[in-house]
């Protein structure tokens, strides 16, 4: 077997591993400290809830999408009026995409470890700031 074949096989195997891990993480949705239950609404009015890691930074509440599967993120961008439950308290929020200098600050403050980034296939991080309504 050639080096190119071995490299291609390793790449396909890694891609399959990442796909399985992404689906498992999305299905299991483990409880976590600082967790946020985000409820989004699609254009037809159907709601969907997802447990996510939330974090406070510079006086704001943020959530990050650090995976390739980002359905909740796309729904929040399309319909930014969301419901957030954290610490047993539910509030209505506006999901605001984070970019530019704010994204750089948040990404620096919210660093994922190498192993978790490896498991997630080095997906680019996307953040939403959850402003009170």
C-alpha atoms as a PDB file:
ATOM      1  CA  UNK A   1       0.000   0.000   0.000  1.00  0.00           C
ATOM      2  CA  UNK A   2       1.405   3.387  -0.969  1.00  0.00           C
ATOM      3  CA  UNK A   3       1.917   6.324   1.374  1.00  0.00           C
ATOM      4  CA  UNK A   4      -0.784   8.258  -0.497  1.00  0.00           C
ATOM      5  CA  UNK A   5      -3.273   5.390   0.011  1.00  0.00           C
ATOM      6  CA  UNK A   6      -2.475   5.194   3.712  1.00  0.00           C
ATOM      7  CA  UNK A   7      -2.845   8.977   4.070  1.00  0.00           C
ATOM      8  CA  UNK A   8      -6.170   8.934   2.188  1.00  0.00           C
ATOM      9  CA  UNK A   9      -7.443   6.056   4.331  1.00  0.00           C
ATOM     10  CA  UNK A  10      -6.383   7.873   7.525  1.00  0.00           C
ATOM     11  CA  UNK A  11      -8.136  11.051   6.359  1.00  0.00           C
ATOM     12  CA  UNK A  12     -11.363   9.192   5.542  1.00  0.00           C
ATOM     13  CA  UNK A  13     -11.176   7.370   8.881  1.00  0.00           C
ATOM     14  CA  UNK A  14     -10.695  10.648  10.744  1.00  0.00           C
ATOM     15  CA  UNK A  15     -13.619  12.206   8.875  1.00  0.00           C
ATOM     16  CA  UNK A  16     -15.839   9.261   9.829  1.00  0.00           C
ATOM     17  CA  UNK A  17     -14.686   9.510  13.462  1.00  0.00           C
ATOM     18  CA  UNK A  18     -15.528  13.243  13.561  1.00  0.00           C
ATOM     19  CA  UNK A  19     -18.951  12.623  11.981  1.00  0.00           C
ATOM     20  CA  UNK A  20     -19.783   9.944  14.580  1.00  0.00           C
ATOM     21  CA  UNK A  21     -18.566  12.140  17.454  1.00  0.00           C
ATOM     22  CA  UNK A  22     -20.533  15.173  16.197  1.00  0.00           C
ATOM     23  CA  UNK A  23     -23.720  13.091  16.008  1.00  0.00           C
ATOM     24  CA  UNK A  24     -23.081  11.564  19.436  1.00  0.00           C
ATOM     25  CA  UNK A  25     -22.455  14.945  21.063  1.00  0.00           C
ATOM     26  CA  UNK A  26     -25.594  16.348  19.422  1.00  0.00           C
ATOM     27  CA  UNK A  27     -27.691  13.390  20.565  1.00  0.00           C
ATOM     28  CA  UNK A  28     -26.415  13.010  24.122  1.00  0.00           C
ATOM     29  CA  UNK A  29     -26.267  16.742  24.973  1.00  0.00           C
ATOM     30  CA  UNK A  30     -24.540  16.287  28.332  1.00  0.00           C
ATOM     31  CA  UNK A  31     -25.336  18.463  31.338  1.00  0.00           C
ATOM     32  CA  UNK A  32     -22.561  20.912  32.022  1.00  0.00           C
ATOM     33  CA  UNK A  33     -21.691  23.606  34.512  1.00  0.00           C
ATOM     34  CA  UNK A  34     -22.710  26.962  33.112  1.00  0.00           C
ATOM     35  CA  UNK A  35     -25.027  25.171  30.712  1.00  0.00           C
ATOM     36  CA  UNK A  36     -27.674  27.050  28.780  1.00  0.00           C
ATOM     37  CA  UNK A  37     -30.881  25.612  27.374  1.00  0.00           C
ATOM     38  CA  UNK A  38     -31.475  27.554  24.156  1.00  0.00           C
ATOM     39  CA  UNK A  39     -34.916  27.374  22.551  1.00  0.00           C
ATOM     40  CA  UNK A  40     -35.132  28.574  18.960  1.00  0.00           C
ATOM     41  CA  UNK A  41     -38.158  28.928  16.725  1.00  0.00           C
ATOM     42  CA  UNK A  42     -38.277  28.149  13.015  1.00  0.00           C
ATOM     43  CA  UNK A  43     -40.285  30.235  10.499  1.00  0.00           C
ATOM     44  CA  UNK A  44     -43.256  27.852  10.888  1.00  0.00           C
ATOM     45  CA  UNK A  45     -43.369  28.462  14.658  1.00  0.00           C
ATOM     46  CA  UNK A  46     -41.962  25.068  15.694  1.00  0.00           C
ATOM     47  CA  UNK A  47     -39.552  25.276  18.632  1.00  0.00           C
ATOM     48  CA  UNK A  48     -36.368  23.319  19.194  1.00  0.00           C
ATOM     49  CA  UNK A  49     -34.260  23.233  22.366  1.00  0.00           C
ATOM     50  CA  UNK A  50     -30.569  22.480  22.704  1.00  0.00           C
ATOM     51  CA  UNK A  51     -28.275  22.266  25.746  1.00  0.00           C
ATOM     52  CA  UNK A  52     -25.159  24.321  25.144  1.00  0.00           C
ATOM     53  CA  UNK A  53     -22.151  25.588  27.022  1.00  0.00           C
ATOM     54  CA  UNK A  54     -22.713  29.186  28.012  1.00  0.00           C
ATOM     55  CA  UNK A  55     -20.215  31.617  29.439  1.00  0.00           C
ATOM     56  CA  UNK A  56     -20.214  35.138  30.798  1.00  0.00           C
ATOM     57  CA  UNK A  57     -17.615  37.504  29.410  1.00  0.00           C
ATOM     58  CA  UNK A  58     -17.362  41.286  29.743  1.00  0.00           C
ATOM     59  CA  UNK A  59     -20.814  41.336  31.378  1.00  0.00           C
ATOM     60  CA  UNK A  60     -22.539  39.489  28.521  1.00  0.00           C
ATOM     61  CA  UNK A  61     -23.846  35.941  28.113  1.00  0.00           C
ATOM     62  CA  UNK A  62     -22.386  34.046  25.137  1.00  0.00           C
ATOM     63  CA  UNK A  63     -22.831  30.631  23.573  1.00  0.00           C
ATOM     64  CA  UNK A  64     -20.459  29.076  21.112  1.00  0.00           C
ATOM     65  CA  UNK A  65     -20.877  26.747  18.191  1.00  0.00           C
ATOM     66  CA  UNK A  66     -17.654  24.810  17.988  1.00  0.00           C
ATOM     67  CA  UNK A  67     -18.987  21.940  15.876  1.00  0.00           C
ATOM     68  CA  UNK A  68     -19.761  21.355  12.209  1.00  0.00           C
ATOM     69  CA  UNK A  69     -23.418  20.597  12.954  1.00  0.00           C
ATOM     70  CA  UNK A  70     -24.959  23.998  13.695  1.00  0.00           C
ATOM     71  CA  UNK A  71     -28.713  23.758  13.126  1.00  0.00           C
ATOM     72  CA  UNK A  72     -29.486  25.674  16.319  1.00  0.00           C
ATOM     73  CA  UNK A  73     -27.043  28.409  15.303  1.00  0.00           C
ATOM     74  CA  UNK A  74     -28.639  28.862  11.875  1.00  0.00           C
ATOM     75  CA  UNK A  75     -32.142  28.918  13.433  1.00  0.00           C
ATOM     76  CA  UNK A  76     -31.031  31.589  15.943  1.00  0.00           C
ATOM     77  CA  UNK A  77     -29.600  33.724  13.129  1.00  0.00           C
ATOM     78  CA  UNK A  78     -32.809  33.394  11.104  1.00  0.00           C
ATOM     79  CA  UNK A  79     -35.129  34.016  14.089  1.00  0.00           C
ATOM     80  CA  UNK A  80     -33.006  35.853  16.700  1.00  0.00           C
ATOM     81  CA  UNK A  81     -35.737  36.086  19.353  1.00  0.00           C
ATOM     82  CA  UNK A  82     -34.829  33.099  21.535  1.00  0.00           C
ATOM     83  CA  UNK A  83     -35.614  31.726  24.969  1.00  0.00           C
ATOM     84  CA  UNK A  84     -32.739  30.954  27.323  1.00  0.00           C
ATOM     85  CA  UNK A  85     -32.822  28.949  30.542  1.00  0.00           C
ATOM     86  CA  UNK A  86     -29.771  29.081  32.763  1.00  0.00           C
ATOM     87  CA  UNK A  87     -29.544  28.357  36.477  1.00  0.00           C
ATOM     88  CA  UNK A  88     -33.244  27.462  36.471  1.00  0.00           C
ATOM     89  CA  UNK A  89     -34.241  30.946  35.263  1.00  0.00           C
ATOM     90  CA  UNK A  90     -35.874  31.414  31.855  1.00  0.00           C
ATOM     91  CA  UNK A  91     -35.598  34.693  29.961  1.00  0.00           C
ATOM     92  CA  UNK A  92     -36.325  36.058  26.519  1.00  0.00           C
ATOM     93  CA  UNK A  93     -33.206  37.091  24.615  1.00  0.00           C
ATOM     94  CA  UNK A  94     -31.999  38.341  21.261  1.00  0.00           C
ATOM     95  CA  UNK A  95     -29.254  36.234  19.652  1.00  0.00           C
ATOM     96  CA  UNK A  96     -26.624  38.554  18.192  1.00  0.00           C
ATOM     97  CA  UNK A  97     -23.865  37.132  15.961  1.00  0.00           C
ATOM     98  CA  UNK A  98     -20.379  37.984  17.179  1.00  0.00           C
ATOM     99  CA  UNK A  99     -17.765  39.078  14.679  1.00  0.00           C
ATOM    100  CA  UNK A 100     -14.756  41.322  14.241  1.00  0.00           C
ATOM    101  CA  UNK A 101     -12.877  42.504  17.316  1.00  0.00           C
ATOM    102  CA  UNK A 102     -15.549  41.165  19.671  1.00  0.00           C
ATOM    103  CA  UNK A 103     -15.166  37.687  18.111  1.00  0.00           C
ATOM    104  CA  UNK A 104     -11.397  37.840  18.597  1.00  0.00           C
ATOM    105  CA  UNK A 105     -11.804  38.747  22.309  1.00  0.00           C
ATOM    106  CA  UNK A 106     -14.447  36.074  22.927  1.00  0.00           C
ATOM    107  CA  UNK A 107     -12.484  33.389  21.040  1.00  0.00           C
ATOM    108  CA  UNK A 108      -9.403  34.187  23.125  1.00  0.00           C
ATOM    109  CA  UNK A 109     -11.396  33.976  26.371  1.00  0.00           C
ATOM    110  CA  UNK A 110     -13.190  30.756  25.334  1.00  0.00           C
ATOM    111  CA  UNK A 111     -10.434  28.438  24.213  1.00  0.00           C
ATOM    112  CA  UNK A 112     -11.216  24.795  23.608  1.00  0.00           C
ATOM    113  CA  UNK A 113      -8.494  22.294  24.408  1.00  0.00           C
ATOM    114  CA  UNK A 114      -6.635  20.503  21.628  1.00  0.00           C
ATOM    115  CA  UNK A 115      -8.299  17.137  22.282  1.00  0.00           C
ATOM    116  CA  UNK A 116     -11.812  18.579  22.048  1.00  0.00           C
ATOM    117  CA  UNK A 117     -10.895  20.497  18.879  1.00  0.00           C
ATOM    118  CA  UNK A 118      -9.488  17.265  17.429  1.00  0.00           C
ATOM    119  CA  UNK A 119     -12.695  15.368  18.277  1.00  0.00           C
ATOM    120  CA  UNK A 120     -14.756  18.173  16.693  1.00  0.00           C
ATOM    121  CA  UNK A 121     -12.735  18.153  13.484  1.00  0.00           C
ATOM    122  CA  UNK A 122     -11.237  21.601  14.096  1.00  0.00           C
ATOM    123  CA  UNK A 123     -14.552  23.279  13.254  1.00  0.00           C
ATOM    124  CA  UNK A 124     -14.346  27.079  13.223  1.00  0.00           C
ATOM    125  CA  UNK A 125     -15.877  28.686  16.285  1.00  0.00           C
ATOM    126  CA  UNK A 126     -18.978  30.845  15.911  1.00  0.00           C
ATOM    127  CA  UNK A 127     -20.421  32.774  18.853  1.00  0.00           C
ATOM    128  CA  UNK A 128     -23.745  34.380  19.692  1.00  0.00           C
ATOM    129  CA  UNK A 129     -24.209  37.039  22.352  1.00  0.00           C
ATOM    130  CA  UNK A 130     -27.553  36.615  24.126  1.00  0.00           C
ATOM    131  CA  UNK A 131     -28.820  40.120  24.879  1.00  0.00           C
ATOM    132  CA  UNK A 132     -31.867  40.591  27.152  1.00  0.00           C
ATOM    133  CA  UNK A 133     -35.101  41.591  25.376  1.00  0.00           C
END
